[in-house]
Amino acid sequence: MEELLEALKRANGKIDYLSSNKLVTDKIIDSIDITSILAELEETFDIEISMEYIVPENFDSVEAMWEMVQELKD
């Protein structure tokens, strides 16, 4: 999980990712942030995030992103 938090900080260090479970829903992150997050996650975890995973539910919280990463790594 620490590696995920570091990747998120690299994507946009101004966001407090742990403060909300509705990052997309509450518009804390936008499409530009998601694009940066996607790039960081793919590089950090050596995964490919296909379009089917690019839904708000997978980016609304750190926990949701972590679950997605774990699923794609398996």
PDB file of N, CA and C in Angstrom:
ATOM      1  N   MET A   1       0.825  -1.198   0.000  1.00  0.00           N
ATOM      2  CA  MET A   1       0.000   0.000   0.000  1.00  0.00           C
ATOM      3  C   MET A   1       0.868   1.262   0.000  1.00  0.00           C
ATOM      4  N   GLU A   2       2.002   1.207   0.677  1.00  0.00           N
ATOM      5  CA  GLU A   2       2.905   2.366   0.721  1.00  0.00           C
ATOM      6  C   GLU A   2       3.393   2.722  -0.681  1.00  0.00           C
ATOM      7  N   GLU A   3       3.661   1.700  -1.486  1.00  0.00           N
ATOM      8  CA  GLU A   3       4.106   1.922  -2.860  1.00  0.00           C
ATOM      9  C   GLU A   3       3.001   2.626  -3.666  1.00  0.00           C
ATOM     10  N   LEU A   4       1.758   2.279  -3.407  1.00  0.00           N
ATOM     11  CA  LEU A   4       0.630   2.934  -4.065  1.00  0.00           C
ATOM     12  C   LEU A   4       0.563   4.399  -3.666  1.00  0.00           C
ATOM     13  N   LEU A   5       0.691   4.676  -2.390  1.00  0.00           N
ATOM     14  CA  LEU A   5       0.645   6.067  -1.923  1.00  0.00           C
ATOM     15  C   LEU A   5       1.773   6.899  -2.531  1.00  0.00           C
ATOM     16  N   GLU A   6       2.943   6.314  -2.670  1.00  0.00           N
ATOM     17  CA  GLU A   6       4.060   7.024  -3.301  1.00  0.00           C
ATOM     18  C   GLU A   6       3.749   7.322  -4.764  1.00  0.00           C
ATOM     19  N   ALA A   7       3.164   6.354  -5.468  1.00  0.00           N
ATOM     20  CA  ALA A   7       2.795   6.558  -6.875  1.00  0.00           C
ATOM     21  C   ALA A   7       1.749   7.664  -6.995  1.00  0.00           C
ATOM     22  N   LEU A   8       0.787   7.682  -6.077  1.00  0.00           N
ATOM     23  CA  LEU A   8      -0.239   8.724  -6.100  1.00  0.00           C
ATOM     24  C   LEU A   8       0.355  10.099  -5.831  1.00  0.00           C
ATOM     25  N   LYS A   9       1.321  10.173  -4.938  1.00  0.00           N
ATOM     26  CA  LYS A   9       1.993  11.449  -4.670  1.00  0.00           C
ATOM     27  C   LYS A   9       2.732  11.940  -5.911  1.00  0.00           C
ATOM     28  N   ARG A  10       3.348  11.008  -6.644  1.00  0.00           N
ATOM     29  CA  ARG A  10       4.038  11.401  -7.877  1.00  0.00           C
ATOM     30  C   ARG A  10       3.038  11.891  -8.923  1.00  0.00           C
ATOM     31  N   ALA A  11       1.862  11.287  -8.963  1.00  0.00           N
ATOM     32  CA  ALA A  11       0.839  11.689  -9.937  1.00  0.00           C
ATOM     33  C   ALA A  11       0.336  13.100  -9.639  1.00  0.00           C
ATOM     34  N   ASN A  12       0.051  13.376  -8.361  1.00  0.00           N
ATOM     35  CA  ASN A  12      -0.364  14.718  -7.944  1.00  0.00           C
ATOM     36  C   ASN A  12      -0.204  14.814  -6.433  1.00  0.00           C
ATOM     37  N   GLY A  13       0.875  15.409  -6.011  1.00  0.00           N
ATOM     38  CA  GLY A  13       1.194  15.510  -4.597  1.00  0.00           C
ATOM     39  C   GLY A  13       0.350  16.501  -3.819  1.00  0.00           C
ATOM     40  N   LYS A  14      -0.486  17.273  -4.498  1.00  0.00           N
ATOM     41  CA  LYS A  14      -1.322  18.267  -3.819  1.00  0.00           C
ATOM     42  C   LYS A  14      -2.601  17.660  -3.253  1.00  0.00           C
ATOM     43  N   ILE A  15      -2.893  16.435  -3.634  1.00  0.00           N
ATOM     44  CA  ILE A  15      -4.148  15.797  -3.213  1.00  0.00           C
ATOM     45  C   ILE A  15      -3.898  14.930  -1.988  1.00  0.00           C
ATOM     46  N   ASP A  16      -4.795  15.034  -1.011  1.00  0.00           N
ATOM     47  CA  ASP A  16      -4.765  14.157   0.153  1.00  0.00           C
ATOM     48  C   ASP A  16      -5.662  12.960  -0.165  1.00  0.00           C
ATOM     49  N   TYR A  17      -5.053  11.919  -0.697  1.00  0.00           N
ATOM     50  CA  TYR A  17      -5.796  10.761  -1.165  1.00  0.00           C
ATOM     51  C   TYR A  17      -6.469   9.992  -0.032  1.00  0.00           C
ATOM     52  N   LEU A  18      -5.966  10.131   1.167  1.00  0.00           N
ATOM     53  CA  LEU A  18      -6.516   9.384   2.295  1.00  0.00           C
ATOM     54  C   LEU A  18      -7.698  10.077   2.952  1.00  0.00           C
ATOM     55  N   SER A  19      -7.984  11.305   2.561  1.00  0.00           N
ATOM     56  CA  SER A  19      -9.025  12.087   3.234  1.00  0.00           C
ATOM     57  C   SER A  19     -10.436  11.779   2.753  1.00  0.00           C
ATOM     58  N   SER A  20     -10.566  11.037   1.647  1.00  0.00           N
ATOM     59  CA  SER A  20     -11.891  10.814   1.082  1.00  0.00           C
ATOM     60  C   SER A  20     -12.040   9.420   0.509  1.00  0.00           C
ATOM     61  N   ASN A  21     -13.235   8.893   0.589  1.00  0.00           N
ATOM     62  CA  ASN A  21     -13.576   7.633  -0.072  1.00  0.00           C
ATOM     63  C   ASN A  21     -14.411   7.900  -1.319  1.00  0.00           C
ATOM     64  N   LYS A  22     -14.448   9.181  -1.720  1.00  0.00           N
ATOM     65  CA  LYS A  22     -15.205   9.585  -2.905  1.00  0.00           C
ATOM     66  C   LYS A  22     -14.379  10.566  -3.725  1.00  0.00           C
ATOM     67  N   LEU A  23     -13.170  10.176  -4.058  1.00  0.00           N
ATOM     68  CA  LEU A  23     -12.258  11.077  -4.764  1.00  0.00           C
ATOM     69  C   LEU A  23     -12.823  11.545  -6.106  1.00  0.00           C
ATOM     70  N   VAL A  24     -13.418  10.629  -6.854  1.00  0.00           N
ATOM     71  CA  VAL A  24     -13.999  10.990  -8.150  1.00  0.00           C
ATOM     72  C   VAL A  24     -15.379  11.615  -7.947  1.00  0.00           C
ATOM     73  N   THR A  25     -16.203  10.969  -7.154  1.00  0.00           N
ATOM     74  CA  THR A  25     -17.576  11.418  -6.915  1.00  0.00           C
ATOM     75  C   THR A  25     -17.617  12.847  -6.392  1.00  0.00           C
ATOM     76  N   ASP A  26     -16.715  13.170  -5.464  1.00  0.00           N
ATOM     77  CA  ASP A  26     -16.666  14.522  -4.894  1.00  0.00           C
ATOM     78  C   ASP A  26     -15.788  15.481  -5.697  1.00  0.00           C
ATOM     79  N   LYS A  27     -15.326  15.033  -6.852  1.00  0.00           N
ATOM     80  CA  LYS A  27     -14.518  15.841  -7.782  1.00  0.00           C
ATOM     81  C   LYS A  27     -13.222  16.347  -7.150  1.00  0.00           C
ATOM     82  N   ILE A  28     -12.640  15.516  -6.292  1.00  0.00           N
ATOM     83  CA  ILE A  28     -11.322  15.827  -5.722  1.00  0.00           C
ATOM     84  C   ILE A  28     -10.255  15.549  -6.768  1.00  0.00           C
ATOM     85  N   ILE A  29     -10.481  14.493  -7.563  1.00  0.00           N
ATOM     86  CA  ILE A  29      -9.609  14.233  -8.708  1.00  0.00           C
ATOM     87  C   ILE A  29     -10.454  14.317  -9.978  1.00  0.00           C
ATOM     88  N   ASP A  30      -9.812  14.759 -11.067  1.00  0.00           N
ATOM     89  CA  ASP A  30     -10.507  14.882 -12.346  1.00  0.00           C
ATOM     90  C   ASP A  30      -9.863  13.968 -13.375  1.00  0.00           C
ATOM     91  N   SER A  31     -10.278  14.083 -14.615  1.00  0.00           N
ATOM     92  CA  SER A  31      -9.792  13.191 -15.665  1.00  0.00           C
ATOM     93  C   SER A  31      -8.286  13.342 -15.895  1.00  0.00           C
ATOM     94  N   ILE A  32      -7.774  14.527 -15.723  1.00  0.00           N
ATOM     95  CA  ILE A  32      -6.327  14.736 -15.884  1.00  0.00           C
ATOM     96  C   ILE A  32      -5.578  14.020 -14.769  1.00  0.00           C
ATOM     97  N   ASP A  33      -6.081  14.119 -13.536  1.00  0.00           N
ATOM     98  CA  ASP A  33      -5.467  13.398 -12.420  1.00  0.00           C
ATOM     99  C   ASP A  33      -5.523  11.887 -12.662  1.00  0.00           C
ATOM    100  N   ILE A  34      -6.670  11.407 -13.141  1.00  0.00           N
ATOM    101  CA  ILE A  34      -6.799   9.969 -13.390  1.00  0.00           C
ATOM    102  C   ILE A  34      -5.812   9.509 -14.443  1.00  0.00           C
ATOM    103  N   THR A  35      -5.599  10.307 -15.468  1.00  0.00           N
ATOM    104  CA  THR A  35      -4.615   9.967 -16.501  1.00  0.00           C
ATOM    105  C   THR A  35      -3.222   9.845 -15.888  1.00  0.00           C
ATOM    106  N   SER A  36      -2.854  10.772 -15.030  1.00  0.00           N
ATOM    107  CA  SER A  36      -1.548  10.719 -14.358  1.00  0.00           C
ATOM    108  C   SER A  36      -1.468   9.517 -13.428  1.00  0.00           C
ATOM    109  N   ILE A  37      -2.546   9.248 -12.710  1.00  0.00           N
ATOM    110  CA  ILE A  37      -2.578   8.098 -11.801  1.00  0.00           C
ATOM    111  C   ILE A  37      -2.425   6.801 -12.594  1.00  0.00           C
ATOM    112  N   LEU A  38      -3.137   6.692 -13.705  1.00  0.00           N
ATOM    113  CA  LEU A  38      -3.027   5.494 -14.553  1.00  0.00           C
ATOM    114  C   LEU A  38      -1.580   5.250 -14.965  1.00  0.00           C
ATOM    115  N   ALA A  39      -0.930   6.288 -15.448  1.00  0.00           N
ATOM    116  CA  ALA A  39       0.458   6.154 -15.895  1.00  0.00           C
ATOM    117  C   ALA A  39       1.363   5.715 -14.751  1.00  0.00           C
ATOM    118  N   GLU A  40       1.207   6.321 -13.592  1.00  0.00           N
ATOM    119  CA  GLU A  40       2.032   5.965 -12.427  1.00  0.00           C
ATOM    120  C   GLU A  40       1.778   4.529 -11.972  1.00  0.00           C
ATOM    121  N   LEU A  41       0.512   4.125 -11.918  1.00  0.00           N
ATOM    122  CA  LEU A  41       0.196   2.771 -11.476  1.00  0.00           C
ATOM    123  C   LEU A  41       0.732   1.729 -12.453  1.00  0.00           C
ATOM    124  N   GLU A  42       0.562   1.995 -13.736  1.00  0.00           N
ATOM    125  CA  GLU A  42       1.060   1.043 -14.733  1.00  0.00           C
ATOM    126  C   GLU A  42       2.567   0.894 -14.644  1.00  0.00           C
ATOM    127  N   GLU A  43       3.268   1.998 -14.486  1.00  0.00           N
ATOM    128  CA  GLU A  43       4.733   1.933 -14.405  1.00  0.00           C
ATOM    129  C   GLU A  43       5.203   1.335 -13.078  1.00  0.00           C
ATOM    130  N   THR A  44       4.630   1.776 -11.986  1.00  0.00           N
ATOM    131  CA  THR A  44       5.064   1.330 -10.663  1.00  0.00           C
ATOM    132  C   THR A  44       4.834  -0.159 -10.461  1.00  0.00           C
ATOM    133  N   PHE A  45       3.666  -0.643 -10.897  1.00  0.00           N
ATOM    134  CA  PHE A  45       3.304  -2.027 -10.620  1.00  0.00           C
ATOM    135  C   PHE A  45       3.447  -2.955 -11.826  1.00  0.00           C
ATOM    136  N   ASP A  46       3.949  -2.422 -12.946  1.00  0.00           N
ATOM    137  CA  ASP A  46       4.142  -3.195 -14.171  1.00  0.00           C
ATOM    138  C   ASP A  46       2.849  -3.921 -14.561  1.00  0.00           C
ATOM    139  N   ILE A  47       1.781  -3.130 -14.670  1.00  0.00           N
ATOM    140  CA  ILE A  47       0.480  -3.650 -15.051  1.00  0.00           C
ATOM    141  C   ILE A  47      -0.055  -2.841 -16.214  1.00  0.00           C
ATOM    142  N   GLU A  48      -1.090  -3.375 -16.856  1.00  0.00           N
ATOM    143  CA  GLU A  48      -1.794  -2.625 -17.893  1.00  0.00           C
ATOM    144  C   GLU A  48      -3.239  -2.481 -17.447  1.00  0.00           C
ATOM    145  N   ILE A  49      -3.708  -1.252 -17.353  1.00  0.00           N
ATOM    146  CA  ILE A  49      -5.070  -0.983 -16.921  1.00  0.00           C
ATOM    147  C   ILE A  49      -5.911  -0.746 -18.170  1.00  0.00           C
ATOM    148  N   SER A  50      -6.758  -1.722 -18.487  1.00  0.00           N
ATOM    149  CA  SER A  50      -7.597  -1.624 -19.682  1.00  0.00           C
ATOM    150  C   SER A  50      -8.806  -0.729 -19.412  1.00  0.00           C
ATOM    151  N   MET A  51      -9.486  -0.377 -20.475  1.00  0.00           N
ATOM    152  CA  MET A  51     -10.622   0.543 -20.392  1.00  0.00           C
ATOM    153  C   MET A  51     -11.705   0.038 -19.434  1.00  0.00           C
ATOM    154  N   GLU A  52     -11.891  -1.254 -19.337  1.00  0.00           N
ATOM    155  CA  GLU A  52     -12.950  -1.787 -18.465  1.00  0.00           C
ATOM    156  C   GLU A  52     -12.717  -1.448 -16.996  1.00  0.00           C
ATOM    157  N   TYR A  53     -11.464  -1.167 -16.626  1.00  0.00           N
ATOM    158  CA  TYR A  53     -11.138  -0.819 -15.239  1.00  0.00           C
ATOM    159  C   TYR A  53     -11.216   0.682 -14.969  1.00  0.00           C
ATOM    160  N   ILE A  54     -11.317   1.471 -16.024  1.00  0.00           N
ATOM    161  CA  ILE A  54     -11.312   2.922 -15.858  1.00  0.00           C
ATOM    162  C   ILE A  54     -12.745   3.394 -15.625  1.00  0.00           C
ATOM    163  N   VAL A  55     -13.195   3.146 -14.389  1.00  0.00           N
ATOM    164  CA  VAL A  55     -14.531   3.544 -13.938  1.00  0.00           C
ATOM    165  C   VAL A  55     -14.375   4.245 -12.593  1.00  0.00           C
ATOM    166  N   PRO A  56     -15.268   5.155 -12.270  1.00  0.00           N
ATOM    167  CA  PRO A  56     -15.137   5.916 -11.019  1.00  0.00           C
ATOM    168  C   PRO A  56     -14.940   5.049  -9.776  1.00  0.00           C
ATOM    169  N   GLU A  57     -15.633   3.922  -9.712  1.00  0.00           N
ATOM    170  CA  GLU A  57     -15.543   3.067  -8.526  1.00  0.00           C
ATOM    171  C   GLU A  57     -14.110   2.612  -8.235  1.00  0.00           C
ATOM    172  N   ASN A  58     -13.304   2.441  -9.277  1.00  0.00           N
ATOM    173  CA  ASN A  58     -11.929   1.981  -9.092  1.00  0.00           C
ATOM    174  C   ASN A  58     -10.971   3.088  -8.681  1.00  0.00           C
ATOM    175  N   PHE A  59     -11.430   4.328  -8.708  1.00  0.00           N
ATOM    176  CA  PHE A  59     -10.557   5.460  -8.380  1.00  0.00           C
ATOM    177  C   PHE A  59     -11.124   6.347  -7.268  1.00  0.00           C
ATOM    178  N   ASP A  60     -12.231   5.942  -6.685  1.00  0.00           N
ATOM    179  CA  ASP A  60     -12.878   6.755  -5.658  1.00  0.00           C
ATOM    180  C   ASP A  60     -12.135   6.743  -4.326  1.00  0.00           C
ATOM    181  N   SER A  61     -11.300   5.722  -4.094  1.00  0.00           N
ATOM    182  CA  SER A  61     -10.559   5.654  -2.834  1.00  0.00           C
ATOM    183  C   SER A  61      -9.234   4.940  -3.043  1.00  0.00           C
ATOM    184  N   VAL A  62      -8.347   5.139  -2.104  1.00  0.00           N
ATOM    185  CA  VAL A  62      -7.056   4.447  -2.146  1.00  0.00           C
ATOM    186  C   VAL A  62      -7.283   2.939  -2.076  1.00  0.00           C
ATOM    187  N   GLU A  63      -8.227   2.526  -1.237  1.00  0.00           N
ATOM    188  CA  GLU A  63      -8.516   1.103  -1.094  1.00  0.00           C
ATOM    189  C   GLU A  63      -9.003   0.493  -2.406  1.00  0.00           C
ATOM    190  N   ALA A  64      -9.871   1.216  -3.117  1.00  0.00           N
ATOM    191  CA  ALA A  64     -10.377   0.729  -4.403  1.00  0.00           C
ATOM    192  C   ALA A  64      -9.246   0.620  -5.420  1.00  0.00           C
ATOM    193  N   MET A  65      -8.357   1.600  -5.436  1.00  0.00           N
ATOM    194  CA  MET A  65      -7.219   1.539  -6.353  1.00  0.00           C
ATOM    195  C   MET A  65      -6.312   0.367  -6.001  1.00  0.00           C
ATOM    196  N   TRP A  66      -6.091   0.150  -4.711  1.00  0.00           N
ATOM    197  CA  TRP A  66      -5.247  -0.956  -4.254  1.00  0.00           C
ATOM    198  C   TRP A  66      -5.852  -2.297  -4.680  1.00  0.00           C
ATOM    199  N   GLU A  67      -7.153  -2.450  -4.512  1.00  0.00           N
ATOM    200  CA  GLU A  67      -7.828  -3.688  -4.918  1.00  0.00           C
ATOM    201  C   GLU A  67      -7.683  -3.911  -6.421  1.00  0.00           C
ATOM    202  N   MET A  68      -7.824  -2.851  -7.203  1.00  0.00           N
ATOM    203  CA  MET A  68      -7.676  -2.962  -8.646  1.00  0.00           C
ATOM    204  C   MET A  68      -6.262  -3.393  -9.011  1.00  0.00           C
ATOM    205  N   VAL A  69      -5.279  -2.774  -8.399  1.00  0.00           N
ATOM    206  CA  VAL A  69      -3.874  -3.123  -8.665  1.00  0.00           C
ATOM    207  C   VAL A  69      -3.619  -4.594  -8.324  1.00  0.00           C
ATOM    208  N   GLN A  70      -4.104  -5.028  -7.169  1.00  0.00           N
ATOM    209  CA  GLN A  70      -3.901  -6.416  -6.754  1.00  0.00           C
ATOM    210  C   GLN A  70      -4.546  -7.383  -7.738  1.00  0.00           C
ATOM    211  N   GLU A  71      -5.751  -7.046  -8.207  1.00  0.00           N
ATOM    212  CA  GLU A  71      -6.438  -7.899  -9.170  1.00  0.00           C
ATOM    213  C   GLU A  71      -5.658  -7.987 -10.486  1.00  0.00           C
ATOM    214  N   LEU A  72      -5.126  -6.861 -10.932  1.00  0.00           N
ATOM    215  CA  LEU A  72      -4.396  -6.848 -12.201  1.00  0.00           C
ATOM    216  C   LEU A  72      -3.020  -7.503 -12.091  1.00  0.00           C
ATOM    217  N   LYS A  73      -2.465  -7.528 -10.915  1.00  0.00           N
ATOM    218  CA  LYS A  73      -1.160  -8.172 -10.728  1.00  0.00           C
ATOM    219  C   LYS A  73      -1.271  -9.699 -10.710  1.00  0.00           C
ATOM    220  N   ASP A  74      -2.442 -10.208 -10.367  1.00  0.00           N
ATOM    221  CA  ASP A  74      -2.628 -11.661 -10.269  1.00  0.00           C
ATOM    222  C   ASP A  74      -2.726 -12.339 -11.615  1.00  0.00           C
TER     223      ASP A  74
END
